[in-house]
Amino acid sequence: MEIVLPKDFYNKTLLESRLKENYNLTVIAIRRKETIISEDGSTDIKEEMIVSPESRMVLQEGDVILVVGRDSDVEKLRQLSEK
């Protein structure tokens, strides 16, 4: 399931987020967009998929996390992201 990263987790590592301990969810990937400015000043958006992220990976605003777990646990986190 994909979930937009809740604000509470911005600038925390996966380990610090305690998603496994508090929500019983495992993050299997992070989808991240990055704006790239070329030499001529034009901008482009690059999307990156970080598969099997390490626990020291820092979560960023705009990240979408892909998690596995029970539907009820996913829903708890999804509700937090909608606040």
Protein backbone atom coordinates (compact mmCIF):
# COMPACT_ATOMS: atom_id res chain seq x y z
CA MET A 1 0.00 0.00 0.00
CA GLU A 2 1.19 3.51 -0.77
CA ILE A 3 0.90 6.25 1.84
CA VAL A 4 1.92 9.90 1.58
CA LEU A 5 4.41 10.43 4.39
CA PRO A 6 2.73 12.10 7.39
CA LYS A 7 4.29 15.38 8.60
CA ASP A 8 5.21 13.76 11.93
CA PHE A 9 7.89 11.73 10.14
CA TYR A 10 9.61 14.47 8.10
CA ASN A 11 13.39 14.55 8.66
CA LYS A 12 13.40 11.36 10.73
CA THR A 13 15.18 8.16 9.82
CA LEU A 14 13.12 5.04 9.27
CA LEU A 15 14.44 3.78 12.59
CA GLU A 16 13.38 6.98 14.40
CA SER A 17 9.92 6.82 12.81
CA ARG A 18 9.22 3.56 14.66
CA LEU A 19 6.70 2.53 11.99
CA LYS A 20 7.29 -1.16 12.74
CA GLU A 21 6.93 -0.77 16.51
CA ASN A 22 4.02 1.70 16.58
CA TYR A 23 2.06 0.71 13.47
CA ASN A 24 3.24 -2.86 12.79
CA LEU A 25 4.15 -1.83 9.22
CA THR A 26 7.25 -2.57 7.18
CA VAL A 27 8.48 0.00 4.67
CA ILE A 28 9.54 -1.84 1.51
CA ALA A 29 10.21 1.20 -0.68
CA ILE A 30 10.16 4.98 -0.80
CA ARG A 31 9.04 6.94 -3.86
CA ARG A 32 10.74 10.33 -3.93
CA LYS A 33 10.56 13.23 -6.38
CA GLU A 34 13.45 15.61 -6.91
CA THR A 35 13.52 18.84 -8.90
CA ILE A 36 16.55 19.11 -11.16
CA ILE A 37 17.66 22.45 -12.59
CA SER A 38 19.72 22.20 -15.76
CA GLU A 39 22.48 24.58 -16.82
CA ASP A 40 20.07 26.49 -19.08
CA GLY A 41 17.74 27.11 -16.13
CA SER A 42 15.00 24.70 -17.14
CA THR A 43 13.60 22.40 -14.50
CA ASP A 44 12.67 18.78 -14.62
CA ILE A 45 11.25 16.42 -12.02
CA LYS A 46 13.04 13.14 -11.45
CA GLU A 47 11.24 10.36 -9.62
CA GLU A 48 13.30 7.83 -7.73
CA MET A 49 12.21 4.52 -6.21
CA ILE A 50 14.31 3.51 -3.22
CA VAL A 51 13.73 -0.22 -2.74
CA SER A 52 14.46 -1.89 0.58
CA PRO A 53 15.57 1.34 2.29
CA GLU A 54 18.07 1.14 5.13
CA SER A 55 16.99 2.08 8.65
CA ARG A 56 19.23 5.18 8.54
CA MET A 57 17.41 6.55 5.45
CA VAL A 58 16.04 10.02 6.24
CA LEU A 59 12.40 10.52 5.30
CA GLN A 60 11.57 13.75 3.48
CA GLU A 61 8.55 15.91 2.84
CA GLY A 62 6.80 14.65 -0.29
CA ASP A 63 7.94 11.04 0.11
CA VAL A 64 5.45 8.29 -0.58
CA ILE A 65 6.15 5.14 1.41
CA LEU A 66 5.20 1.67 0.27
CA VAL A 67 4.33 -0.47 3.26
CA VAL A 68 3.18 -3.99 3.98
CA GLY A 69 1.01 -4.93 6.93
CA ARG A 70 -2.57 -5.50 7.97
CA ASP A 71 -5.18 -3.29 6.35
CA SER A 72 -6.26 -1.91 9.72
CA ASP A 73 -2.68 -0.85 10.54
CA VAL A 74 -2.25 0.75 7.13
CA GLU A 75 -5.49 2.68 7.68
CA LYS A 76 -4.23 4.05 11.03
CA LEU A 77 -1.17 5.51 9.34
CA ARG A 78 -3.17 6.74 6.37
CA GLN A 79 -5.46 8.69 8.73
CA LEU A 80 -2.41 10.35 10.27
CA SER A 81 -1.19 11.43 6.83
CA GLU A 82 -4.56 13.09 6.12
CA LYS A 83 -4.35 15.41 9.16
